[in-house]
N, C-alpha and C. Protein backbone atom coordinates (compact mmCIF):
# COMPACT_ATOMS: atom_id res chain seq x y z
N ASN A 1 0.83 -1.19 0.00
CA ASN A 1 0.00 0.00 0.00
C ASN A 1 0.87 1.25 0.00
N GLU A 2 0.25 2.37 -0.20
CA GLU A 2 0.95 3.66 -0.32
C GLU A 2 1.77 3.98 0.94
N GLN A 3 1.31 3.54 2.11
CA GLN A 3 2.00 3.88 3.35
C GLN A 3 3.29 3.09 3.53
N SER A 4 3.42 1.96 2.86
CA SER A 4 4.63 1.15 3.04
C SER A 4 5.54 1.21 1.82
N ARG A 5 5.43 2.27 1.07
CA ARG A 5 6.25 2.39 -0.13
C ARG A 5 7.69 2.77 0.24
N ILE A 6 8.59 2.47 -0.68
CA ILE A 6 9.99 2.85 -0.55
C ILE A 6 10.32 3.78 -1.71
N ASP A 7 10.83 4.96 -1.40
CA ASP A 7 11.22 5.92 -2.44
C ASP A 7 12.74 6.04 -2.57
N ILE A 8 13.46 5.79 -1.48
CA ILE A 8 14.92 5.96 -1.49
C ILE A 8 15.56 4.80 -0.73
N LEU A 9 16.59 4.23 -1.33
CA LEU A 9 17.44 3.25 -0.64
C LEU A 9 18.85 3.80 -0.63
N ILE A 10 19.44 3.85 0.55
CA ILE A 10 20.86 4.16 0.68
C ILE A 10 21.52 2.88 1.13
N ASN A 11 22.22 2.25 0.22
CA ASN A 11 22.82 0.94 0.42
C ASN A 11 24.24 1.15 0.96
N ASN A 12 24.39 1.06 2.27
CA ASN A 12 25.65 1.48 2.89
C ASN A 12 26.16 0.45 3.89
N ALA A 13 26.45 -0.73 3.42
CA ALA A 13 27.09 -1.72 4.27
C ALA A 13 28.44 -2.04 3.65
N GLY A 14 29.44 -2.19 4.45
CA GLY A 14 30.74 -2.52 3.89
C GLY A 14 31.78 -2.74 4.95
N ASN A 15 32.83 -3.41 4.54
CA ASN A 15 33.95 -3.68 5.44
C ASN A 15 35.19 -3.88 4.58
N ASN A 16 36.33 -3.90 5.23
CA ASN A 16 37.60 -4.10 4.55
C ASN A 16 38.55 -4.82 5.49
N ILE A 17 39.27 -5.77 4.95
CA ILE A 17 40.35 -6.43 5.68
C ILE A 17 41.59 -6.30 4.79
N PRO A 18 42.41 -5.28 5.02
CA PRO A 18 43.57 -5.06 4.16
C PRO A 18 44.58 -6.22 4.26
N GLU A 19 44.81 -6.86 3.14
CA GLU A 19 45.80 -7.93 3.06
C GLU A 19 46.48 -7.86 1.70
N HIS A 20 47.75 -8.19 1.67
CA HIS A 20 48.47 -8.28 0.40
C HIS A 20 47.83 -9.39 -0.42
N PHE A 21 47.75 -9.20 -1.73
CA PHE A 21 47.10 -10.16 -2.61
C PHE A 21 47.58 -11.59 -2.37
N THR A 22 48.89 -11.77 -2.16
CA THR A 22 49.43 -13.12 -2.00
C THR A 22 49.12 -13.73 -0.64
N LYS A 23 48.57 -12.94 0.26
CA LYS A 23 48.28 -13.43 1.61
C LYS A 23 46.79 -13.41 1.96
N VAL A 24 45.96 -13.13 0.97
CA VAL A 24 44.52 -13.07 1.24
C VAL A 24 44.02 -14.44 1.67
N LYS A 25 43.34 -14.46 2.79
CA LYS A 25 42.75 -15.69 3.29
C LYS A 25 41.37 -15.86 2.65
N THR A 26 41.10 -17.07 2.17
CA THR A 26 39.84 -17.34 1.48
C THR A 26 38.64 -16.96 2.34
N LYS A 27 38.70 -17.26 3.62
CA LYS A 27 37.58 -16.93 4.52
C LYS A 27 37.34 -15.42 4.55
N ASN A 28 38.42 -14.64 4.65
CA ASN A 28 38.29 -13.18 4.65
C ASN A 28 37.68 -12.69 3.34
N MET A 29 38.16 -13.24 2.22
CA MET A 29 37.63 -12.82 0.92
C MET A 29 36.14 -13.14 0.83
N GLU A 30 35.75 -14.34 1.21
CA GLU A 30 34.34 -14.73 1.14
C GLU A 30 33.47 -13.84 2.02
N ASN A 31 33.94 -13.53 3.22
CA ASN A 31 33.18 -12.65 4.12
C ASN A 31 33.01 -11.25 3.53
N LEU A 32 34.07 -10.73 2.93
CA LEU A 32 33.98 -9.40 2.33
C LEU A 32 33.05 -9.38 1.12
N VAL A 33 33.07 -10.43 0.33
CA VAL A 33 32.16 -10.51 -0.82
C VAL A 33 30.72 -10.56 -0.32
N LYS A 34 30.47 -11.31 0.74
CA LYS A 34 29.10 -11.39 1.29
C LYS A 34 28.62 -10.03 1.78
N ILE A 35 29.47 -9.31 2.48
CA ILE A 35 29.08 -8.01 3.05
C ILE A 35 29.02 -6.92 1.98
N ASN A 36 30.09 -6.80 1.20
CA ASN A 36 30.24 -5.67 0.28
C ASN A 36 29.48 -5.80 -1.03
N THR A 37 29.23 -7.02 -1.47
CA THR A 37 28.63 -7.20 -2.78
C THR A 37 27.29 -7.93 -2.72
N ILE A 38 27.28 -9.13 -2.15
CA ILE A 38 26.05 -9.92 -2.14
C ILE A 38 24.96 -9.25 -1.31
N ALA A 39 25.30 -8.74 -0.14
CA ALA A 39 24.30 -8.07 0.70
C ALA A 39 23.75 -6.84 -0.01
N ALA A 40 24.62 -6.07 -0.66
CA ALA A 40 24.16 -4.88 -1.40
C ALA A 40 23.20 -5.28 -2.51
N PHE A 41 23.53 -6.35 -3.22
CA PHE A 41 22.66 -6.84 -4.29
C PHE A 41 21.30 -7.25 -3.73
N ASN A 42 21.31 -8.06 -2.67
CA ASN A 42 20.06 -8.58 -2.10
C ASN A 42 19.16 -7.47 -1.58
N VAL A 43 19.73 -6.53 -0.85
CA VAL A 43 18.93 -5.42 -0.31
C VAL A 43 18.36 -4.58 -1.45
N ALA A 44 19.19 -4.28 -2.45
CA ALA A 44 18.72 -3.47 -3.58
C ALA A 44 17.61 -4.19 -4.34
N GLN A 45 17.75 -5.47 -4.54
CA GLN A 45 16.73 -6.22 -5.27
C GLN A 45 15.39 -6.21 -4.53
N LEU A 46 15.42 -6.45 -3.22
CA LEU A 46 14.18 -6.43 -2.43
C LEU A 46 13.53 -5.05 -2.47
N CYS A 47 14.33 -4.02 -2.31
CA CYS A 47 13.78 -2.65 -2.33
C CYS A 47 13.27 -2.28 -3.72
N ALA A 48 13.98 -2.67 -4.76
CA ALA A 48 13.53 -2.36 -6.12
C ALA A 48 12.18 -3.01 -6.40
N LEU A 49 12.01 -4.24 -5.96
CA LEU A 49 10.71 -4.91 -6.16
C LEU A 49 9.60 -4.14 -5.46
N LYS A 50 9.87 -3.65 -4.26
CA LYS A 50 8.88 -2.86 -3.53
C LYS A 50 8.65 -1.52 -4.23
N MET A 51 9.71 -0.89 -4.73
CA MET A 51 9.57 0.38 -5.44
C MET A 51 8.71 0.23 -6.69
N ILE A 52 8.88 -0.87 -7.40
CA ILE A 52 8.15 -1.11 -8.64
C ILE A 52 6.65 -1.28 -8.39
N GLU A 53 6.29 -1.76 -7.20
CA GLU A 53 4.88 -1.99 -6.86
C GLU A 53 4.03 -0.72 -6.93
N LEU A 54 4.62 0.42 -6.66
CA LEU A 54 3.85 1.67 -6.61
C LEU A 54 3.29 2.00 -8.00
N LYS A 55 1.99 2.10 -8.08
CA LYS A 55 1.31 2.28 -9.37
C LYS A 55 1.69 3.57 -10.08
N ASN A 56 1.91 4.64 -9.34
CA ASN A 56 2.25 5.91 -9.99
C ASN A 56 3.74 6.22 -9.89
N ARG A 57 4.57 5.19 -9.96
CA ARG A 57 6.02 5.35 -9.85
C ARG A 57 6.55 6.26 -10.96
N LYS A 58 5.98 6.19 -12.14
CA LYS A 58 6.47 7.04 -13.24
C LYS A 58 6.41 8.51 -12.87
N LYS A 59 5.43 8.87 -12.07
CA LYS A 59 5.28 10.27 -11.67
C LYS A 59 6.20 10.61 -10.49
N ILE A 60 6.27 9.71 -9.53
CA ILE A 60 6.99 9.99 -8.28
C ILE A 60 8.49 9.71 -8.40
N GLY A 61 8.86 8.62 -9.02
CA GLY A 61 10.27 8.27 -9.14
C GLY A 61 10.84 7.73 -7.84
N ALA A 62 11.99 7.11 -7.94
CA ALA A 62 12.67 6.55 -6.77
C ALA A 62 14.17 6.60 -7.03
N SER A 63 14.93 6.40 -5.97
CA SER A 63 16.38 6.49 -6.08
C SER A 63 17.04 5.42 -5.22
N ILE A 64 17.98 4.71 -5.82
CA ILE A 64 18.83 3.76 -5.10
C ILE A 64 20.24 4.32 -5.17
N ILE A 65 20.86 4.45 -4.00
CA ILE A 65 22.22 4.99 -3.93
C ILE A 65 23.10 3.96 -3.24
N ASN A 66 24.05 3.42 -3.99
CA ASN A 66 25.01 2.47 -3.44
C ASN A 66 26.24 3.24 -2.96
N ILE A 67 26.60 3.04 -1.71
CA ILE A 67 27.82 3.68 -1.21
C ILE A 67 28.99 2.77 -1.58
N SER A 68 29.81 3.26 -2.44
CA SER A 68 30.94 2.52 -2.97
C SER A 68 32.23 3.08 -2.36
N SER A 69 33.21 3.34 -3.18
CA SER A 69 34.49 3.86 -2.71
C SER A 69 35.29 4.33 -3.92
N GLN A 70 36.22 5.23 -3.67
CA GLN A 70 37.17 5.59 -4.72
C GLN A 70 37.91 4.34 -5.18
N MET A 71 38.00 3.33 -4.30
CA MET A 71 38.68 2.09 -4.64
C MET A 71 37.88 1.23 -5.61
N GLY A 72 36.70 1.71 -6.00
CA GLY A 72 35.95 1.11 -7.09
C GLY A 72 36.32 1.72 -8.43
N HIS A 73 37.30 2.65 -8.40
CA HIS A 73 37.75 3.35 -9.60
C HIS A 73 39.26 3.26 -9.81
N VAL A 74 39.99 2.94 -8.75
CA VAL A 74 41.45 2.83 -8.83
C VAL A 74 41.90 1.62 -8.01
N GLY A 75 43.11 1.18 -8.25
CA GLY A 75 43.69 0.12 -7.44
C GLY A 75 44.43 0.72 -6.26
N GLY A 76 44.77 -0.13 -5.31
CA GLY A 76 45.52 0.34 -4.16
C GLY A 76 46.24 -0.81 -3.49
N PRO A 77 47.36 -0.52 -2.82
CA PRO A 77 48.08 -1.58 -2.13
C PRO A 77 47.24 -2.17 -1.00
N ILE A 78 47.41 -3.44 -0.80
CA ILE A 78 46.69 -4.25 0.20
C ILE A 78 45.18 -4.05 0.13
N ARG A 79 44.68 -3.85 -1.08
CA ARG A 79 43.25 -3.59 -1.27
C ARG A 79 42.64 -4.47 -2.38
N SER A 80 43.30 -5.53 -2.80
CA SER A 80 42.81 -6.28 -3.97
C SER A 80 41.39 -6.79 -3.79
N VAL A 81 41.07 -7.35 -2.63
CA VAL A 81 39.71 -7.87 -2.42
C VAL A 81 38.71 -6.72 -2.30
N TYR A 82 39.09 -5.67 -1.61
CA TYR A 82 38.22 -4.50 -1.49
C TYR A 82 37.98 -3.87 -2.86
N ASN A 83 39.06 -3.73 -3.66
CA ASN A 83 38.93 -3.23 -5.03
C ASN A 83 37.95 -4.09 -5.83
N MET A 84 38.11 -5.40 -5.74
CA MET A 84 37.25 -6.33 -6.46
C MET A 84 35.78 -6.09 -6.10
N ASN A 85 35.51 -5.93 -4.82
CA ASN A 85 34.14 -5.71 -4.36
C ASN A 85 33.58 -4.37 -4.83
N LYS A 86 34.36 -3.32 -4.70
CA LYS A 86 33.86 -1.99 -5.05
C LYS A 86 33.75 -1.81 -6.56
N PHE A 87 34.66 -2.40 -7.34
CA PHE A 87 34.48 -2.38 -8.79
C PHE A 87 33.21 -3.13 -9.15
N GLY A 88 32.94 -4.23 -8.46
CA GLY A 88 31.71 -4.99 -8.68
C GLY A 88 30.47 -4.17 -8.36
N LEU A 89 30.52 -3.42 -7.26
CA LEU A 89 29.38 -2.58 -6.88
C LEU A 89 29.15 -1.48 -7.91
N GLU A 90 30.22 -0.94 -8.47
CA GLU A 90 30.08 0.06 -9.53
C GLU A 90 29.42 -0.56 -10.77
N GLY A 91 29.81 -1.77 -11.12
CA GLY A 91 29.19 -2.46 -12.25
C GLY A 91 27.72 -2.78 -11.98
N LEU A 92 27.43 -3.21 -10.76
CA LEU A 92 26.05 -3.48 -10.37
C LEU A 92 25.21 -2.21 -10.50
N THR A 93 25.75 -1.10 -10.07
CA THR A 93 25.05 0.18 -10.15
C THR A 93 24.65 0.48 -11.59
N LYS A 94 25.58 0.31 -12.52
CA LYS A 94 25.29 0.60 -13.93
C LYS A 94 24.24 -0.36 -14.49
N GLY A 95 24.38 -1.64 -14.19
CA GLY A 95 23.41 -2.62 -14.68
C GLY A 95 22.02 -2.37 -14.12
N MET A 96 21.94 -2.09 -12.83
CA MET A 96 20.65 -1.78 -12.20
C MET A 96 20.03 -0.54 -12.82
N ALA A 97 20.85 0.47 -13.09
CA ALA A 97 20.34 1.73 -13.66
C ALA A 97 19.63 1.46 -14.99
N ILE A 98 20.20 0.60 -15.79
CA ILE A 98 19.59 0.27 -17.08
C ILE A 98 18.30 -0.53 -16.88
N ASP A 99 18.36 -1.55 -16.02
CA ASP A 99 17.19 -2.40 -15.80
C ASP A 99 16.02 -1.66 -15.15
N LEU A 100 16.31 -0.71 -14.28
CA LEU A 100 15.25 -0.07 -13.50
C LEU A 100 14.77 1.27 -14.05
N ALA A 101 15.44 1.77 -15.07
CA ALA A 101 15.07 3.08 -15.63
C ALA A 101 13.62 3.11 -16.12
N LYS A 102 13.15 2.02 -16.69
CA LYS A 102 11.77 2.02 -17.22
C LYS A 102 10.73 2.15 -16.12
N TYR A 103 11.14 1.97 -14.87
CA TYR A 103 10.24 2.16 -13.72
C TYR A 103 10.45 3.52 -13.05
N ASN A 104 11.27 4.37 -13.68
CA ASN A 104 11.62 5.68 -13.12
C ASN A 104 12.35 5.54 -11.79
N ILE A 105 13.17 4.50 -11.71
CA ILE A 105 14.02 4.30 -10.53
C ILE A 105 15.45 4.60 -10.97
N ARG A 106 16.03 5.61 -10.36
CA ARG A 106 17.41 6.00 -10.67
C ARG A 106 18.35 5.24 -9.74
N VAL A 107 19.49 4.82 -10.28
CA VAL A 107 20.48 4.09 -9.48
C VAL A 107 21.84 4.73 -9.71
N ASN A 108 22.46 5.16 -8.64
CA ASN A 108 23.79 5.78 -8.70
C ASN A 108 24.63 5.28 -7.54
N SER A 109 25.89 5.60 -7.60
CA SER A 109 26.76 5.29 -6.46
C SER A 109 27.49 6.56 -6.02
N ILE A 110 27.94 6.52 -4.81
CA ILE A 110 28.81 7.57 -4.28
C ILE A 110 30.11 6.88 -3.90
N ALA A 111 31.22 7.45 -4.36
CA ALA A 111 32.53 6.84 -4.16
C ALA A 111 33.42 7.80 -3.36
N PRO A 112 33.34 7.71 -2.04
CA PRO A 112 34.15 8.62 -1.22
C PRO A 112 35.58 8.13 -1.05
N THR A 113 36.43 9.06 -0.69
CA THR A 113 37.77 8.73 -0.23
C THR A 113 37.64 8.24 1.21
N PHE A 114 38.72 8.20 1.92
CA PHE A 114 38.67 7.82 3.33
C PHE A 114 37.85 8.85 4.10
N VAL A 115 36.86 8.36 4.79
CA VAL A 115 35.98 9.20 5.60
C VAL A 115 36.29 8.90 7.06
N ILE A 116 36.33 9.92 7.87
CA ILE A 116 36.61 9.72 9.30
C ILE A 116 35.39 9.04 9.93
N THR A 117 35.57 7.76 10.27
CA THR A 117 34.54 6.96 10.92
C THR A 117 35.22 6.07 11.96
N PRO A 118 34.46 5.42 12.82
CA PRO A 118 35.08 4.47 13.75
C PRO A 118 35.87 3.37 13.03
N LEU A 119 35.40 2.93 11.86
CA LEU A 119 36.11 1.89 11.11
C LEU A 119 37.45 2.38 10.59
N THR A 120 37.51 3.60 10.05
CA THR A 120 38.76 4.09 9.47
C THR A 120 39.73 4.62 10.52
N ARG A 121 39.22 5.02 11.66
CA ARG A 121 40.12 5.57 12.69
C ARG A 121 41.22 4.59 13.06
N LYS A 122 40.89 3.29 13.13
CA LYS A 122 41.90 2.31 13.51
C LYS A 122 43.02 2.21 12.47
N PHE A 123 42.67 2.34 11.17
CA PHE A 123 43.69 2.31 10.12
C PHE A 123 44.52 3.59 10.14
N LEU A 124 43.85 4.71 10.40
CA LEU A 124 44.52 6.01 10.32
C LEU A 124 45.40 6.30 11.53
N LYS A 125 45.36 5.45 12.55
CA LYS A 125 46.27 5.60 13.69
C LYS A 125 47.71 5.31 13.27
N ASN A 126 47.87 4.50 12.23
CA ASN A 126 49.19 4.20 11.69
C ASN A 126 49.69 5.43 10.94
N LYS A 127 50.71 6.10 11.51
CA LYS A 127 51.17 7.38 10.97
C LYS A 127 51.66 7.27 9.53
N LYS A 128 52.35 6.18 9.21
CA LYS A 128 52.85 6.00 7.84
C LYS A 128 51.68 5.86 6.87
N PHE A 129 50.71 5.04 7.22
CA PHE A 129 49.52 4.85 6.37
C PHE A 129 48.76 6.16 6.22
N ARG A 130 48.60 6.87 7.32
CA ARG A 130 47.88 8.15 7.30
C ARG A 130 48.56 9.14 6.35
N LYS A 131 49.88 9.25 6.46
CA LYS A 131 50.63 10.19 5.62
C LYS A 131 50.54 9.80 4.15
N GLU A 132 50.73 8.50 3.85
CA GLU A 132 50.65 8.03 2.46
C GLU A 132 49.26 8.28 1.88
N THR A 133 48.25 8.06 2.69
CA THR A 133 46.87 8.26 2.23
C THR A 133 46.62 9.74 1.94
N LEU A 134 47.00 10.61 2.86
CA LEU A 134 46.80 12.05 2.64
C LEU A 134 47.57 12.54 1.42
N ASN A 135 48.73 11.95 1.15
CA ASN A 135 49.51 12.34 -0.02
C ASN A 135 48.78 12.02 -1.33
N ASN A 136 47.82 11.10 -1.29
CA ASN A 136 47.05 10.74 -2.48
C ASN A 136 45.80 11.60 -2.68
N ILE A 137 45.50 12.45 -1.71
CA ILE A 137 44.30 13.28 -1.79
C ILE A 137 44.74 14.72 -2.06
N PRO A 138 44.60 15.21 -3.29
CA PRO A 138 45.05 16.56 -3.60
C PRO A 138 44.51 17.64 -2.67
N LEU A 139 43.28 17.49 -2.18
CA LEU A 139 42.76 18.49 -1.24
C LEU A 139 43.42 18.39 0.14
N GLY A 140 44.19 17.32 0.37
CA GLY A 140 45.02 17.22 1.57
C GLY A 140 44.29 16.92 2.87
N ARG A 141 43.10 16.33 2.80
CA ARG A 141 42.39 16.00 4.03
C ARG A 141 41.44 14.84 3.76
N PHE A 142 40.99 14.22 4.85
CA PHE A 142 40.02 13.15 4.75
C PHE A 142 38.62 13.74 4.66
N ALA A 143 37.70 12.97 4.12
CA ALA A 143 36.31 13.44 4.01
C ALA A 143 35.61 13.34 5.36
N GLU A 144 34.66 14.21 5.54
CA GLU A 144 33.78 14.17 6.72
C GLU A 144 32.49 13.46 6.32
N MET A 145 31.85 12.84 7.29
CA MET A 145 30.59 12.14 7.01
C MET A 145 29.55 13.10 6.43
N SER A 146 29.57 14.35 6.86
CA SER A 146 28.60 15.33 6.35
C SER A 146 28.79 15.58 4.85
N GLU A 147 30.01 15.45 4.35
CA GLU A 147 30.25 15.65 2.92
C GLU A 147 29.66 14.51 2.10
N VAL A 148 29.73 13.31 2.65
CA VAL A 148 29.13 12.17 1.97
C VAL A 148 27.61 12.25 2.06
N SER A 149 27.09 12.62 3.22
CA SER A 149 25.63 12.71 3.36
C SER A 149 25.05 13.82 2.48
N SER A 150 25.80 14.87 2.24
CA SER A 150 25.34 15.92 1.32
C SER A 150 25.25 15.39 -0.11
N ALA A 151 26.20 14.55 -0.49
CA ALA A 151 26.16 13.93 -1.82
C ALA A 151 24.96 12.99 -1.93
N VAL A 152 24.68 12.26 -0.86
CA VAL A 152 23.51 11.37 -0.83
C VAL A 152 22.23 12.20 -0.99
N ALA A 153 22.13 13.28 -0.23
CA ALA A 153 20.93 14.13 -0.30
C ALA A 153 20.73 14.66 -1.72
N PHE A 154 21.81 15.06 -2.38
CA PHE A 154 21.70 15.55 -3.75
C PHE A 154 21.18 14.46 -4.69
N LEU A 155 21.82 13.27 -4.66
CA LEU A 155 21.41 12.21 -5.58
C LEU A 155 19.99 11.72 -5.31
N ALA A 156 19.54 11.83 -4.08
CA ALA A 156 18.17 11.41 -3.74
C ALA A 156 17.13 12.46 -4.11
N SER A 157 17.57 13.67 -4.40
CA SER A 157 16.65 14.79 -4.62
C SER A 157 16.19 14.90 -6.07
N ASP A 158 15.17 15.72 -6.26
CA ASP A 158 14.69 16.02 -7.62
C ASP A 158 15.74 16.75 -8.45
N ALA A 159 16.70 17.39 -7.81
CA ALA A 159 17.76 18.08 -8.55
C ALA A 159 18.60 17.09 -9.37
N ALA A 160 18.55 15.81 -8.99
CA ALA A 160 19.30 14.77 -9.70
C ALA A 160 18.37 13.87 -10.52
N SER A 161 17.21 14.38 -10.89
CA SER A 161 16.20 13.55 -11.55
C SER A 161 16.61 13.00 -12.92
N MET A 162 17.66 13.54 -13.51
CA MET A 162 18.13 13.04 -14.81
C MET A 162 19.46 12.31 -14.67
N ILE A 163 19.85 11.99 -13.46
CA ILE A 163 21.14 11.33 -13.22
C ILE A 163 20.88 9.89 -12.82
N THR A 164 21.38 8.96 -13.61
CA THR A 164 21.30 7.54 -13.28
C THR A 164 22.48 6.81 -13.91
N GLY A 165 22.95 5.79 -13.22
CA GLY A 165 24.04 4.96 -13.75
C GLY A 165 25.41 5.57 -13.61
N THR A 166 25.56 6.52 -12.71
CA THR A 166 26.85 7.18 -12.57
C THR A 166 27.36 7.07 -11.14
N SER A 167 28.60 7.43 -10.97
CA SER A 167 29.24 7.43 -9.66
C SER A 167 29.69 8.85 -9.33
N LEU A 168 29.25 9.34 -8.21
CA LEU A 168 29.66 10.66 -7.74
C LEU A 168 30.87 10.48 -6.84
N LEU A 169 32.02 10.93 -7.32
CA LEU A 169 33.27 10.78 -6.58
C LEU A 169 33.40 11.91 -5.57
N VAL A 170 33.52 11.53 -4.31
CA VAL A 170 33.70 12.49 -3.21
C VAL A 170 35.07 12.15 -2.62
N ASP A 171 36.10 12.37 -3.44
CA ASP A 171 37.41 11.82 -3.11
C ASP A 171 38.53 12.84 -3.01
N GLY A 172 38.19 14.12 -2.96
CA GLY A 172 39.22 15.15 -2.81
C GLY A 172 40.22 15.18 -3.95
N GLY A 173 39.88 14.57 -5.08
CA GLY A 173 40.76 14.58 -6.24
C GLY A 173 41.61 13.34 -6.41
N TRP A 174 41.47 12.35 -5.53
CA TRP A 174 42.31 11.14 -5.58
C TRP A 174 42.29 10.53 -6.98
N THR A 175 41.11 10.33 -7.55
CA THR A 175 41.01 9.65 -8.84
C THR A 175 41.30 10.57 -10.03
N ALA A 176 41.47 11.86 -9.78
CA ALA A 176 41.78 12.80 -10.86
C ALA A 176 43.25 12.71 -11.28
N LYS A 177 44.07 12.13 -10.41
CA LYS A 177 45.51 12.08 -10.70
C LYS A 177 45.82 11.04 -11.76
C-alpha cells in the first residue's frame, strides 16, 4: 500500500580487511564478498521490487544509492579484495540503472575517499599509512561524514532527476591524478 512504499534506498554496508594479494585468506575474501557485494545486491533487489509496486512510480520516481568507494575506480596496495568488491558494486550500479530506468528508478553510487569513521580511525592511527593516504588526496584531508551525506541528499533529490548509472566521486581529487 501507499504507506509502506519505498522511495529511497541508501545501500551502505561494507567492510575491509587489508591484506596483500598473495596473503589473502579465502575466509576473509568470502566474508567481504558477502558483506560488500552480495548483501548490497540482495537489499537493492528487495527494495527495487517494492519500489516497482507503486502504481504511480512514473510520476513519483525513486532512487537507489550504493555507497561505494574511490577504490571502485582505482587500485591500491593491500586492497585487492576491497577493489574487487567496489568495482563490482560500480558495475552493479550501472546494470541496475539500465534495468530499473523504465520504472523511473534511478540508481547511482557515491565513491568517497577515506571518511573519518570508527572503522577508518583504527587504520589512520598508523602514521605512515595516514601520511601516504593524505599524499594521495590533492585536497590534503580526509572526508567528513557530512560531505558524503550531502552527496547522498543531492542524488536522492529532484535536482538529480536526470542522473542515473553514474558514480559521484567524493574523493578530494584522488582519482583525478
